């Protein structure tokens, strides 16, 4: 029995050592191949990029020029639309200014008719409760009529009925008419001044928008001209044609009223 065990030990141990030696050699061989492989074969991502050719560079430059020309053309078309809108707004403000001046001129004429009334003594009337009630009714009717004509605001009408801000229902109807005419004139003058400021602001905005449209139109034309030698078609919006025609500023000059 002891001889059999000793025999198996002497036979199997060298065999196991030989097997492990072979496996160790194979492992070292594989490891050597894996380590040496990246040096012989580099991945595609690590390869040095090829230098672009002259044709590729020219094509890339043409694409950039075409993209820039299209963007400028779109911007010029938008600027032209903005300039037209600003011009229409200024024309509307100019019409409002003319209406405000006409209303003020009418109110000034009406107030001028009462210019000499203040120097005359008011007519003598009996100062009775019925007379004061009649004067108050006259004031309220005159103020209401002026409000419906657009000469007094709702706030001003409230001051008349509340007998505030100098409105005295005990005054003679002539004195009430004089004060009413002056208040209407002053209100019309204030409205005219506001309309004048809006018209001036509209004129400035229209001039700035027109100048921006002219600048972008010129830049769009220059960008398209740079593309012509390259023979690269550019898609230009139809509205750019209007943007490339600057609008003379003298046609937009407001005619000052008064």
Protein backbone atom coordinates (compact mmCIF):
# COMPACT_ATOMS: atom_id res chain seq x y z
CA UNK A 1 0.00 0.00 0.00
CA UNK A 2 2.77 2.41 0.94
CA UNK A 3 4.61 1.57 -2.23
CA UNK A 4 1.55 2.31 -4.33
CA UNK A 5 1.05 5.75 -2.78
CA UNK A 6 4.71 6.58 -3.17
CA UNK A 7 4.61 5.47 -6.78
CA UNK A 8 1.58 7.61 -7.60
CA UNK A 9 3.21 10.61 -5.92
CA UNK A 10 6.42 10.24 -7.85
CA UNK A 11 4.55 9.87 -11.13
CA UNK A 12 1.76 12.51 -10.79
CA UNK A 13 3.76 15.38 -9.20
CA UNK A 14 6.20 15.77 -12.12
CA UNK A 15 3.24 15.58 -14.52
CA UNK A 16 1.43 18.39 -12.69
CA UNK A 17 4.60 20.47 -12.64
CA UNK A 18 4.98 20.00 -16.36
CA UNK A 19 1.36 21.03 -17.04
CA UNK A 20 1.63 24.18 -14.94
CA UNK A 21 4.90 25.07 -16.65
CA UNK A 22 3.27 24.80 -20.07
CA UNK A 23 0.31 26.95 -18.94
CA UNK A 24 2.68 29.56 -17.50
CA UNK A 25 4.60 29.76 -20.75
CA UNK A 26 1.37 30.15 -22.72
CA UNK A 27 0.17 32.92 -20.40
CA UNK A 28 3.44 34.80 -20.73
CA UNK A 29 3.31 34.43 -24.49
CA UNK A 30 -0.22 35.81 -24.72
CA UNK A 31 0.66 38.67 -22.39
CA UNK A 32 3.68 39.54 -24.52
CA UNK A 33 1.55 39.58 -27.67
CA UNK A 34 -1.12 41.80 -26.07
CA UNK A 35 1.48 44.27 -24.83
CA UNK A 36 3.34 44.44 -28.12
CA UNK A 37 0.19 44.65 -30.35
CA UNK A 38 -0.68 48.38 -29.79
CA UNK A 39 2.79 49.35 -30.88
CA UNK A 40 2.42 47.48 -34.16
CA UNK A 41 -1.23 48.26 -34.91
CA UNK A 42 -2.61 51.67 -33.77
CA UNK A 43 -6.35 52.21 -33.69
CA UNK A 44 -7.94 54.31 -36.39
CA UNK A 45 -8.64 57.14 -33.93
CA UNK A 46 -4.92 57.55 -33.20
CA UNK A 47 -3.91 57.89 -36.81
CA UNK A 48 -2.78 61.37 -37.85
CA UNK A 49 -5.48 63.18 -39.91
CA UNK A 50 -4.73 63.85 -43.52
CA UNK A 51 -4.17 67.48 -44.50
CA UNK A 52 -7.16 69.03 -46.36
CA UNK A 53 -6.69 69.66 -50.02
CA UNK A 54 -6.99 73.04 -51.72
CA UNK A 55 -10.34 72.04 -53.19
CA UNK A 56 -11.73 71.14 -49.78
CA UNK A 57 -10.55 74.44 -48.33
CA UNK A 58 -12.18 76.38 -51.17
CA UNK A 59 -15.44 74.46 -50.73
CA UNK A 60 -15.48 75.15 -46.99
CA UNK A 61 -14.82 78.84 -47.59
CA UNK A 62 -17.60 78.99 -50.17
CA UNK A 63 -20.01 77.33 -47.73
CA UNK A 64 -19.15 79.87 -45.04
CA UNK A 65 -19.64 82.76 -47.46
CA UNK A 66 -22.96 81.35 -48.65
CA UNK A 67 -24.22 80.88 -45.09
CA UNK A 68 -23.16 84.42 -44.13
CA UNK A 69 -24.79 85.91 -47.24
CA UNK A 70 -28.06 84.12 -46.49
CA UNK A 71 -28.06 85.27 -42.86
CA UNK A 72 -27.37 88.89 -43.85
CA UNK A 73 -30.09 88.73 -46.51
CA UNK A 74 -32.64 87.55 -43.94
CA UNK A 75 -31.53 90.26 -41.51
CA UNK A 76 -31.83 92.91 -44.24
CA UNK A 77 -35.35 91.76 -45.08
CA UNK A 78 -36.36 91.97 -41.42
CA UNK A 79 -34.82 95.43 -41.09
CA UNK A 80 -36.72 96.61 -44.17
CA UNK A 81 -40.01 95.43 -42.65
CA UNK A 82 -39.17 97.16 -39.38
CA UNK A 83 -38.36 100.39 -41.24
CA UNK A 84 -41.70 100.29 -43.04
CA UNK A 85 -43.54 99.66 -39.78
CA UNK A 86 -41.74 102.52 -38.04
CA UNK A 87 -42.56 104.83 -40.96
CA UNK A 88 -46.24 103.90 -40.78
CA UNK A 89 -46.24 104.55 -37.04
CA UNK A 90 -44.62 107.94 -37.59
CA UNK A 91 -47.19 108.86 -40.25
CA UNK A 92 -49.98 107.92 -37.83
CA UNK A 93 -48.36 110.07 -35.14
CA UNK A 94 -48.12 112.94 -37.61
CA UNK A 95 -51.84 112.67 -38.37
CA UNK A 96 -52.59 112.68 -34.64
CA UNK A 97 -50.44 115.78 -34.29
CA UNK A 98 -52.37 117.57 -37.02
CA UNK A 99 -55.69 116.69 -35.37
CA UNK A 100 -54.41 117.82 -31.97
CA UNK A 101 -53.28 121.13 -33.46
CA UNK A 102 -56.66 121.70 -35.13
CA UNK A 103 -58.46 121.00 -31.84
CA UNK A 104 -56.16 123.34 -29.93
CA UNK A 105 -56.55 126.07 -32.52
CA UNK A 106 -60.32 125.78 -32.29
CA UNK A 107 -60.24 125.92 -28.49
CA UNK A 108 -57.89 128.90 -28.58
CA UNK A 109 -60.24 130.73 -30.93
CA UNK A 110 -63.20 130.00 -28.65
CA UNK A 111 -61.31 131.19 -25.57
CA UNK A 112 -60.18 134.32 -27.37
CA UNK A 113 -63.79 135.34 -27.87
CA UNK A 114 -64.13 135.58 -24.09
CA UNK A 115 -60.90 137.56 -23.70
CA UNK A 116 -62.72 140.82 -23.06
CA UNK A 117 -65.45 139.29 -20.96
CA UNK A 118 -63.30 139.23 -17.85
CA UNK A 119 -62.86 142.99 -17.88
CA UNK A 120 -66.62 143.61 -17.87
CA UNK A 121 -68.67 143.36 -14.69
CA UNK A 122 -71.04 140.40 -14.60
CA UNK A 123 -74.67 141.18 -15.37
CA UNK A 124 -76.79 142.01 -12.38
CA UNK A 125 -79.23 139.23 -11.51
CA UNK A 126 -81.22 138.61 -8.35
CA UNK A 127 -79.19 136.53 -5.94
CA UNK A 128 -81.85 134.15 -4.80
CA UNK A 129 -81.73 130.40 -4.12
CA UNK A 130 -83.54 129.83 -7.41
CA UNK A 131 -80.92 131.90 -9.26
CA UNK A 132 -78.03 129.96 -7.71
CA UNK A 133 -79.77 126.67 -8.53
CA UNK A 134 -80.18 127.83 -12.14
CA UNK A 135 -76.49 128.78 -12.30
CA UNK A 136 -75.49 125.35 -10.98
CA UNK A 137 -77.68 123.60 -13.55
CA UNK A 138 -76.16 125.72 -16.31
CA UNK A 139 -72.65 124.82 -15.21
CA UNK A 140 -73.45 121.12 -15.08
CA UNK A 141 -75.13 121.14 -18.50
CA UNK A 142 -72.27 123.07 -20.11
CA UNK A 143 -69.63 120.80 -18.56
CA UNK A 144 -71.51 117.65 -19.57
CA UNK A 145 -71.86 118.87 -23.14
CA UNK A 146 -68.13 119.67 -23.23
CA UNK A 147 -67.39 116.17 -21.94
CA UNK A 148 -69.50 114.53 -24.65
CA UNK A 149 -67.69 116.64 -27.25
CA UNK A 150 -64.42 115.29 -25.93
CA UNK A 151 -63.29 118.64 -24.52
CA UNK A 152 -63.31 117.58 -20.86
CA UNK A 153 -62.10 114.30 -19.41
CA UNK A 154 -64.17 112.28 -16.99
CA UNK A 155 -61.88 113.39 -14.17
CA UNK A 156 -62.41 117.05 -15.07
CA UNK A 157 -66.16 116.51 -15.24
CA UNK A 158 -66.04 115.02 -11.77
CA UNK A 159 -64.26 118.15 -10.53
CA UNK A 160 -67.05 120.31 -12.00
CA UNK A 161 -69.80 118.33 -10.29
CA UNK A 162 -67.78 118.16 -7.08
CA UNK A 163 -67.15 121.94 -7.19
CA UNK A 164 -63.41 121.40 -6.86
CA UNK A 165 -60.36 123.02 -8.44
CA UNK A 166 -61.99 126.46 -8.76
CA UNK A 167 -65.37 125.38 -10.08
CA UNK A 168 -67.93 127.56 -8.28
CA UNK A 169 -71.58 127.00 -9.23
CA UNK A 170 -72.51 130.39 -7.73
CA UNK A 171 -70.66 132.29 -10.46
CA UNK A 172 -72.61 133.94 -13.23
CA UNK A 173 -73.07 131.78 -16.36
CA UNK A 174 -70.86 134.17 -18.35
CA UNK A 175 -68.01 133.66 -15.87
CA UNK A 176 -68.60 129.92 -15.99
CA UNK A 177 -68.37 129.94 -19.79
CA UNK A 178 -65.13 131.92 -19.65
CA UNK A 179 -63.56 129.46 -17.21
CA UNK A 180 -64.83 126.46 -19.18
CA UNK A 181 -63.36 127.82 -22.43
CA UNK A 182 -59.98 128.41 -20.79
CA UNK A 183 -59.90 124.94 -19.24
CA UNK A 184 -60.72 123.37 -22.59
CA UNK A 185 -58.04 125.45 -24.30
CA UNK A 186 -55.41 124.44 -21.75
CA UNK A 187 -56.37 120.77 -22.06
CA UNK A 188 -56.16 120.94 -25.85
CA UNK A 189 -52.76 122.58 -25.63
CA UNK A 190 -51.46 119.85 -23.31
CA UNK A 191 -52.76 117.19 -25.71
CA UNK A 192 -51.05 118.96 -28.60
CA UNK A 193 -47.72 119.00 -26.76
CA UNK A 194 -47.98 115.28 -26.02
CA UNK A 195 -48.83 114.57 -29.66
CA UNK A 196 -45.84 116.65 -30.72
CA UNK A 197 -43.50 114.64 -28.50
CA UNK A 198 -44.88 111.36 -29.87
CA UNK A 199 -44.43 112.59 -33.42
CA UNK A 200 -40.81 113.55 -32.77
CA UNK A 201 -40.08 110.21 -31.12
CA UNK A 202 -41.70 108.42 -34.05
CA UNK A 203 -39.59 110.41 -36.48
CA UNK A 204 -36.38 109.47 -34.66
CA UNK A 205 -37.36 105.79 -34.57
CA UNK A 206 -38.20 105.84 -38.28
CA UNK A 207 -34.87 107.45 -39.15
CA UNK A 208 -32.90 104.91 -37.08
CA UNK A 209 -34.81 101.99 -38.60
CA UNK A 210 -34.26 103.35 -42.12
CA UNK A 211 -30.53 103.74 -41.49
CA UNK A 212 -30.29 100.18 -40.14
CA UNK A 213 -32.16 98.87 -43.19
CA UNK A 214 -29.85 100.73 -45.55
CA UNK A 215 -26.74 99.42 -43.77
CA UNK A 216 -27.91 95.81 -43.81
CA UNK A 217 -29.04 96.09 -47.43
CA UNK A 218 -25.57 97.31 -48.43
CA UNK A 219 -23.93 94.50 -46.47
CA UNK A 220 -26.25 91.92 -48.08
CA UNK A 221 -25.35 93.24 -51.54
CA UNK A 222 -21.63 93.10 -50.72
CA UNK A 223 -21.92 89.53 -49.41
CA UNK A 224 -23.74 88.47 -52.57
CA UNK A 225 -21.07 90.18 -54.69
CA UNK A 226 -18.32 88.21 -52.91
CA UNK A 227 -20.10 84.99 -53.89
CA UNK A 228 -20.36 85.78 -57.60
CA UNK A 229 -16.73 84.80 -58.48
CA UNK A 230 -17.33 81.47 -56.73
CA UNK A 231 -20.52 80.85 -58.73
CA UNK A 232 -22.35 79.65 -55.65
CA UNK A 233 -26.14 80.27 -55.76
CA UNK A 234 -27.59 82.15 -52.83
CA UNK A 235 -31.25 81.90 -51.81
CA UNK A 236 -32.27 85.50 -51.26
CA UNK A 237 -35.72 86.32 -49.90
CA UNK A 238 -37.99 88.36 -52.13
CA UNK A 239 -38.22 91.11 -49.54
CA UNK A 240 -34.50 91.79 -49.75
CA UNK A 241 -35.08 93.61 -53.03
CA UNK A 242 -36.98 96.28 -51.12
CA UNK A 243 -34.29 96.40 -48.45
CA UNK A 244 -31.57 97.06 -51.02
CA UNK A 245 -33.38 100.21 -52.19
CA UNK A 246 -32.75 102.87 -49.54
CA UNK A 247 -35.74 105.12 -48.89
CA UNK A 248 -34.85 108.80 -49.27
CA UNK A 249 -35.00 110.46 -45.88
CA UNK A 250 -36.41 113.68 -47.29
CA UNK A 251 -39.73 111.93 -48.00
CA UNK A 252 -40.08 111.19 -44.31
CA UNK A 253 -39.43 114.70 -43.07
CA UNK A 254 -42.43 115.80 -41.00
CA UNK A 255 -44.20 119.00 -41.87
CA UNK A 256 -44.26 120.89 -38.60
CA UNK A 257 -47.68 122.25 -37.76
CA UNK A 258 -48.10 125.64 -36.20
